[in-house]
């Protein structure tokens, strides 16, 4: 009987402790509180959508969808918060990064030890090192110019569908558009294949 009472009171105590420890909620869970904190910070950059995402974040997740779809905006804010949590390894720093910007938190909190090398500081490519003005951007290789469109000569008995079967991935609408909207072909005609 005594052991069952001890177990019972132990369960009650642990559930009360769990309820007390679960009071913290990430800032993205309450958009009103998030927007109020962002307006108190008075950032110069505009914030978009119900969760006040920065312009780069809104571009990452889609401008229109972040502003129109609140469920999608919530998922975007949650993803950003989780990214910041992985970066800073602290939920309050993740909250501040969502309110302000990751760069401002980086400059206030400092560089986490896992980014410290023996001599050099490895900074994530999207952030500037504290004290420097410019972020380190990755080198983007030059994209070669697209190849010119293919031109073919229509053979007797060809139709748009036979031509499309020879070039998978090209749609009928694209073929019409590439040939000035014409839907008629004749033998000897030069067609542009996009």
C-alpha atoms as a PDB file:
ATOM      1  CA  UNK A   1       0.000   0.000   0.000  1.00  0.00           C
ATOM      2  CA  UNK A   2       2.790   2.373   0.946  1.00  0.00           C
ATOM      3  CA  UNK A   3       4.713   1.733  -2.241  1.00  0.00           C
ATOM      4  CA  UNK A   4       1.626   2.401  -4.360  1.00  0.00           C
ATOM      5  CA  UNK A   5       1.089   5.728  -2.539  1.00  0.00           C
ATOM      6  CA  UNK A   6       4.702   6.716  -3.123  1.00  0.00           C
ATOM      7  CA  UNK A   7       4.373   5.882  -6.815  1.00  0.00           C
ATOM      8  CA  UNK A   8       1.059   7.768  -7.017  1.00  0.00           C
ATOM      9  CA  UNK A   9       2.465  10.925  -5.390  1.00  0.00           C
ATOM     10  CA  UNK A  10       5.605  10.603  -7.503  1.00  0.00           C
ATOM     11  CA  UNK A  11       3.478  10.617 -10.642  1.00  0.00           C
ATOM     12  CA  UNK A  12       1.553  13.662  -9.442  1.00  0.00           C
ATOM     13  CA  UNK A  13       4.772  15.506  -8.614  1.00  0.00           C
ATOM     14  CA  UNK A  14       6.341  14.665 -11.984  1.00  0.00           C
ATOM     15  CA  UNK A  15       3.218  15.776 -13.870  1.00  0.00           C
ATOM     16  CA  UNK A  16       3.188  19.082 -11.971  1.00  0.00           C
ATOM     17  CA  UNK A  17       6.883  19.550 -12.773  1.00  0.00           C
ATOM     18  CA  UNK A  18       6.215  18.760 -16.462  1.00  0.00           C
ATOM     19  CA  UNK A  19       3.384  21.301 -16.607  1.00  0.00           C
ATOM     20  CA  UNK A  20       5.624  23.923 -15.070  1.00  0.00           C
ATOM     21  CA  UNK A  21       8.427  23.219 -17.525  1.00  0.00           C
ATOM     22  CA  UNK A  22       6.070  23.304 -20.528  1.00  0.00           C
ATOM     23  CA  UNK A  23       5.017  26.907 -20.000  1.00  0.00           C
ATOM     24  CA  UNK A  24       7.591  28.198 -22.473  1.00  0.00           C
ATOM     25  CA  UNK A  25       6.248  28.478 -25.993  1.00  0.00           C
ATOM     26  CA  UNK A  26       8.324  29.622 -28.943  1.00  0.00           C
ATOM     27  CA  UNK A  27       7.439  33.129 -30.095  1.00  0.00           C
ATOM     28  CA  UNK A  28       6.103  31.928 -33.459  1.00  0.00           C
ATOM     29  CA  UNK A  29       3.242  30.167 -31.635  1.00  0.00           C
ATOM     30  CA  UNK A  30       1.599  33.538 -30.915  1.00  0.00           C
ATOM     31  CA  UNK A  31       1.599  35.842 -33.974  1.00  0.00           C
ATOM     32  CA  UNK A  32       0.196  38.797 -32.004  1.00  0.00           C
ATOM     33  CA  UNK A  33       3.009  38.599 -29.481  1.00  0.00           C
ATOM     34  CA  UNK A  34       5.558  38.176 -32.292  1.00  0.00           C
ATOM     35  CA  UNK A  35       4.284  41.211 -34.221  1.00  0.00           C
ATOM     36  CA  UNK A  36       4.211  43.307 -31.029  1.00  0.00           C
ATOM     37  CA  UNK A  37       7.824  42.382 -30.283  1.00  0.00           C
ATOM     38  CA  UNK A  38       8.820  43.175 -33.880  1.00  0.00           C
ATOM     39  CA  UNK A  39       7.134  46.585 -33.763  1.00  0.00           C
ATOM     40  CA  UNK A  40       8.835  47.320 -30.431  1.00  0.00           C
ATOM     41  CA  UNK A  41      12.189  46.526 -32.058  1.00  0.00           C
ATOM     42  CA  UNK A  42      11.379  49.056 -34.827  1.00  0.00           C
ATOM     43  CA  UNK A  43      13.283  47.423 -37.628  1.00  0.00           C
ATOM     44  CA  UNK A  44      13.827  49.480 -40.770  1.00  0.00           C
ATOM     45  CA  UNK A  45      12.957  46.566 -43.052  1.00  0.00           C
ATOM     46  CA  UNK A  46       9.273  45.809 -43.654  1.00  0.00           C
ATOM     47  CA  UNK A  47       7.774  42.593 -42.313  1.00  0.00           C
ATOM     48  CA  UNK A  48       5.342  40.502 -44.320  1.00  0.00           C
ATOM     49  CA  UNK A  49       2.435  38.249 -43.468  1.00  0.00           C
ATOM     50  CA  UNK A  50       0.751  37.518 -40.139  1.00  0.00           C
ATOM     51  CA  UNK A  51       4.049  36.330 -38.617  1.00  0.00           C
ATOM     52  CA  UNK A  52       6.106  39.317 -39.748  1.00  0.00           C
ATOM     53  CA  UNK A  53       8.626  37.437 -41.858  1.00  0.00           C
ATOM     54  CA  UNK A  54      11.540  39.419 -43.219  1.00  0.00           C
ATOM     55  CA  UNK A  55      11.737  39.997 -46.962  1.00  0.00           C
ATOM     56  CA  UNK A  56      14.428  37.340 -47.544  1.00  0.00           C
ATOM     57  CA  UNK A  57      12.420  34.812 -45.542  1.00  0.00           C
ATOM     58  CA  UNK A  58       9.238  35.664 -47.446  1.00  0.00           C
ATOM     59  CA  UNK A  59      11.120  35.274 -50.718  1.00  0.00           C
ATOM     60  CA  UNK A  60      12.411  31.896 -49.549  1.00  0.00           C
ATOM     61  CA  UNK A  61       8.903  30.599 -48.864  1.00  0.00           C
ATOM     62  CA  UNK A  62       6.984  32.527 -51.537  1.00  0.00           C
ATOM     63  CA  UNK A  63       5.818  36.135 -51.205  1.00  0.00           C
ATOM     64  CA  UNK A  64       2.153  35.725 -52.071  1.00  0.00           C
ATOM     65  CA  UNK A  65       1.572  32.503 -50.206  1.00  0.00           C
ATOM     66  CA  UNK A  66       3.165  33.830 -46.997  1.00  0.00           C
ATOM     67  CA  UNK A  67       0.866  36.860 -47.098  1.00  0.00           C
ATOM     68  CA  UNK A  68      -2.349  35.058 -48.061  1.00  0.00           C
ATOM     69  CA  UNK A  69      -2.192  31.658 -46.360  1.00  0.00           C
ATOM     70  CA  UNK A  70      -1.872  31.895 -42.580  1.00  0.00           C
ATOM     71  CA  UNK A  71      -1.280  28.154 -42.139  1.00  0.00           C
ATOM     72  CA  UNK A  72       1.565  28.293 -44.650  1.00  0.00           C
ATOM     73  CA  UNK A  73       2.957  31.428 -42.965  1.00  0.00           C
ATOM     74  CA  UNK A  74       2.873  29.569 -39.631  1.00  0.00           C
ATOM     75  CA  UNK A  75       4.813  26.664 -41.157  1.00  0.00           C
ATOM     76  CA  UNK A  76       7.333  29.124 -42.631  1.00  0.00           C
ATOM     77  CA  UNK A  77       7.796  30.857 -39.258  1.00  0.00           C
ATOM     78  CA  UNK A  78       8.177  27.483 -37.558  1.00  0.00           C
ATOM     79  CA  UNK A  79      10.796  26.391 -40.095  1.00  0.00           C
ATOM     80  CA  UNK A  80      12.738  29.631 -39.642  1.00  0.00           C
ATOM     81  CA  UNK A  81      12.587  29.311 -35.870  1.00  0.00           C
ATOM     82  CA  UNK A  82      13.875  25.731 -36.068  1.00  0.00           C
ATOM     83  CA  UNK A  83      16.681  26.852 -38.387  1.00  0.00           C
ATOM     84  CA  UNK A  84      17.665  29.521 -35.864  1.00  0.00           C
ATOM     85  CA  UNK A  85      17.405  27.017 -33.025  1.00  0.00           C
ATOM     86  CA  UNK A  86      19.850  24.733 -34.842  1.00  0.00           C
ATOM     87  CA  UNK A  87      22.157  27.667 -35.505  1.00  0.00           C
ATOM     88  CA  UNK A  88      22.230  29.190 -32.012  1.00  0.00           C
ATOM     89  CA  UNK A  89      21.308  26.084 -29.957  1.00  0.00           C
ATOM     90  CA  UNK A  90      19.162  28.273 -27.711  1.00  0.00           C
ATOM     91  CA  UNK A  91      15.413  28.807 -27.954  1.00  0.00           C
ATOM     92  CA  UNK A  92      15.544  32.404 -26.699  1.00  0.00           C
ATOM     93  CA  UNK A  93      18.171  33.275 -29.312  1.00  0.00           C
ATOM     94  CA  UNK A  94      15.912  31.665 -31.924  1.00  0.00           C
ATOM     95  CA  UNK A  95      13.067  33.884 -30.694  1.00  0.00           C
ATOM     96  CA  UNK A  96      15.269  36.977 -30.956  1.00  0.00           C
ATOM     97  CA  UNK A  97      16.426  35.979 -34.437  1.00  0.00           C
ATOM     98  CA  UNK A  98      12.799  35.704 -35.536  1.00  0.00           C
ATOM     99  CA  UNK A  99      11.963  39.067 -33.951  1.00  0.00           C
ATOM    100  CA  UNK A 100      15.045  40.957 -35.126  1.00  0.00           C
ATOM    101  CA  UNK A 101      17.377  39.126 -37.461  1.00  0.00           C
ATOM    102  CA  UNK A 102      19.916  36.343 -37.096  1.00  0.00           C
ATOM    103  CA  UNK A 103      22.698  38.834 -37.814  1.00  0.00           C
ATOM    104  CA  UNK A 104      21.758  41.040 -34.854  1.00  0.00           C
ATOM    105  CA  UNK A 105      21.625  38.030 -32.521  1.00  0.00           C
ATOM    106  CA  UNK A 106      24.959  36.845 -33.893  1.00  0.00           C
ATOM    107  CA  UNK A 107      26.560  40.199 -33.057  1.00  0.00           C
ATOM    108  CA  UNK A 108      25.025  40.336 -29.548  1.00  0.00           C
ATOM    109  CA  UNK A 109      25.529  36.737 -28.463  1.00  0.00           C
ATOM    110  CA  UNK A 110      28.848  36.130 -30.163  1.00  0.00           C
ATOM    111  CA  UNK A 111      30.161  33.202 -32.083  1.00  0.00           C
ATOM    112  CA  UNK A 112      29.212  29.766 -30.745  1.00  0.00           C
ATOM    113  CA  UNK A 113      32.159  27.575 -29.850  1.00  0.00           C
ATOM    114  CA  UNK A 114      31.367  25.016 -32.521  1.00  0.00           C
ATOM    115  CA  UNK A 115      32.218  27.638 -35.189  1.00  0.00           C
ATOM    116  CA  UNK A 116      35.556  28.446 -33.582  1.00  0.00           C
ATOM    117  CA  UNK A 117      38.645  27.027 -35.256  1.00  0.00           C
ATOM    118  CA  UNK A 118      42.199  27.143 -34.000  1.00  0.00           C
ATOM    119  CA  UNK A 119      42.853  30.515 -35.609  1.00  0.00           C
ATOM    120  CA  UNK A 120      40.077  31.390 -37.998  1.00  0.00           C
ATOM    121  CA  UNK A 121      36.423  31.809 -37.277  1.00  0.00           C
ATOM    122  CA  UNK A 122      34.177  29.843 -39.577  1.00  0.00           C
ATOM    123  CA  UNK A 123      31.120  31.977 -40.186  1.00  0.00           C
ATOM    124  CA  UNK A 124      28.015  30.601 -41.862  1.00  0.00           C
ATOM    125  CA  UNK A 125      27.951  31.939 -45.428  1.00  0.00           C
ATOM    126  CA  UNK A 126      24.759  33.979 -44.978  1.00  0.00           C
ATOM    127  CA  UNK A 127      26.041  36.001 -42.009  1.00  0.00           C
ATOM    128  CA  UNK A 128      28.708  38.602 -41.531  1.00  0.00           C
ATOM    129  CA  UNK A 129      31.327  38.041 -38.895  1.00  0.00           C
ATOM    130  CA  UNK A 130      30.921  40.365 -35.902  1.00  0.00           C
ATOM    131  CA  UNK A 131      32.630  43.661 -36.628  1.00  0.00           C
ATOM    132  CA  UNK A 132      32.610  43.290 -40.415  1.00  0.00           C
ATOM    133  CA  UNK A 133      30.207  45.115 -42.663  1.00  0.00           C
ATOM    134  CA  UNK A 134      29.792  42.599 -45.448  1.00  0.00           C
ATOM    135  CA  UNK A 135      28.476  39.054 -45.215  1.00  0.00           C
ATOM    136  CA  UNK A 136      30.607  36.338 -46.752  1.00  0.00           C
ATOM    137  CA  UNK A 137      28.753  35.092 -49.781  1.00  0.00           C
ATOM    138  CA  UNK A 138      29.491  31.798 -51.479  1.00  0.00           C
ATOM    139  CA  UNK A 139      31.047  31.944 -54.929  1.00  0.00           C
ATOM    140  CA  UNK A 140      28.402  31.232 -57.525  1.00  0.00           C
ATOM    141  CA  UNK A 141      29.669  29.686 -60.748  1.00  0.00           C
ATOM    142  CA  UNK A 142      28.739  31.492 -63.946  1.00  0.00           C
ATOM    143  CA  UNK A 143      25.753  29.904 -65.646  1.00  0.00           C
ATOM    144  CA  UNK A 144      26.353  29.324 -69.354  1.00  0.00           C
ATOM    145  CA  UNK A 145      23.991  30.961 -71.801  1.00  0.00           C
ATOM    146  CA  UNK A 146      21.079  28.766 -72.803  1.00  0.00           C
ATOM    147  CA  UNK A 147      21.438  26.933 -76.088  1.00  0.00           C
ATOM    148  CA  UNK A 148      19.598  28.456 -79.041  1.00  0.00           C
ATOM    149  CA  UNK A 149      16.264  26.814 -79.821  1.00  0.00           C
ATOM    150  CA  UNK A 150      16.271  23.850 -82.151  1.00  0.00           C
ATOM    151  CA  UNK A 151      14.877  24.378 -85.650  1.00  0.00           C
ATOM    152  CA  UNK A 152      13.459  21.468 -87.633  1.00  0.00           C
ATOM    153  CA  UNK A 153      11.936  21.091 -91.071  1.00  0.00           C
ATOM    154  CA  UNK A 154       8.442  19.598 -91.194  1.00  0.00           C
ATOM    155  CA  UNK A 155       8.311  16.349 -93.196  1.00  0.00           C
ATOM    156  CA  UNK A 156       5.304  15.107 -95.165  1.00  0.00           C
ATOM    157  CA  UNK A 157       2.858  13.321 -92.816  1.00  0.00           C
ATOM    158  CA  UNK A 158       4.074  15.189 -89.691  1.00  0.00           C
ATOM    159  CA  UNK A 159       1.657  16.549 -87.149  1.00  0.00           C
ATOM    160  CA  UNK A 160       2.233  18.460 -83.944  1.00  0.00           C
ATOM    161  CA  UNK A 161       1.716  15.284 -81.948  1.00  0.00           C
ATOM    162  CA  UNK A 162       4.262  13.300 -83.993  1.00  0.00           C
ATOM    163  CA  UNK A 163       6.766  16.113 -83.563  1.00  0.00           C
ATOM    164  CA  UNK A 164       6.048  16.240 -79.815  1.00  0.00           C
ATOM    165  CA  UNK A 165       6.599  12.473 -79.553  1.00  0.00           C
ATOM    166  CA  UNK A 166      10.135  13.009 -80.926  1.00  0.00           C
ATOM    167  CA  UNK A 167      10.883  15.705 -78.313  1.00  0.00           C
ATOM    168  CA  UNK A 168       9.698  14.584 -74.861  1.00  0.00           C
ATOM    169  CA  UNK A 169       9.393  17.363 -72.317  1.00  0.00           C
ATOM    170  CA  UNK A 170       8.072  19.896 -74.819  1.00  0.00           C
ATOM    171  CA  UNK A 171       4.418  20.769 -74.414  1.00  0.00           C
ATOM    172  CA  UNK A 172       1.977  21.676 -77.148  1.00  0.00           C
ATOM    173  CA  UNK A 173       1.423  25.166 -75.734  1.00  0.00           C
ATOM    174  CA  UNK A 174       5.188  25.791 -75.737  1.00  0.00           C
ATOM    175  CA  UNK A 175       5.433  24.635 -79.336  1.00  0.00           C
ATOM    176  CA  UNK A 176       2.564  26.944 -80.366  1.00  0.00           C
ATOM    177  CA  UNK A 177       4.117  29.875 -78.499  1.00  0.00           C
ATOM    178  CA  UNK A 178       7.558  29.299 -80.035  1.00  0.00           C
ATOM    179  CA  UNK A 179       6.002  29.349 -83.523  1.00  0.00           C
ATOM    180  CA  UNK A 180       3.971  32.571 -83.216  1.00  0.00           C
ATOM    181  CA  UNK A 181       0.815  30.823 -82.034  1.00  0.00           C
ATOM    182  CA  UNK A 182       0.254  29.025 -85.321  1.00  0.00           C
ATOM    183  CA  UNK A 183      -1.562  25.717 -85.076  1.00  0.00           C
ATOM    184  CA  UNK A 184      -1.058  24.745 -88.726  1.00  0.00           C
ATOM    185  CA  UNK A 185       2.003  23.191 -90.275  1.00  0.00           C
ATOM    186  CA  UNK A 186       2.951  22.181 -93.800  1.00  0.00           C
ATOM    187  CA  UNK A 187       5.806  20.125 -95.304  1.00  0.00           C
ATOM    188  CA  UNK A 188       8.999  22.139 -95.674  1.00  0.00           C
ATOM    189  CA  UNK A 189       8.039  24.601 -92.917  1.00  0.00           C
ATOM    190  CA  UNK A 190      10.747  25.449 -90.354  1.00  0.00           C
ATOM    191  CA  UNK A 191       9.507  24.910 -86.783  1.00  0.00           C
ATOM    192  CA  UNK A 192      11.181  26.147 -83.630  1.00  0.00           C
ATOM    193  CA  UNK A 193      11.397  23.538 -80.844  1.00  0.00           C
ATOM    194  CA  UNK A 194      11.759  25.294 -77.459  1.00  0.00           C
END
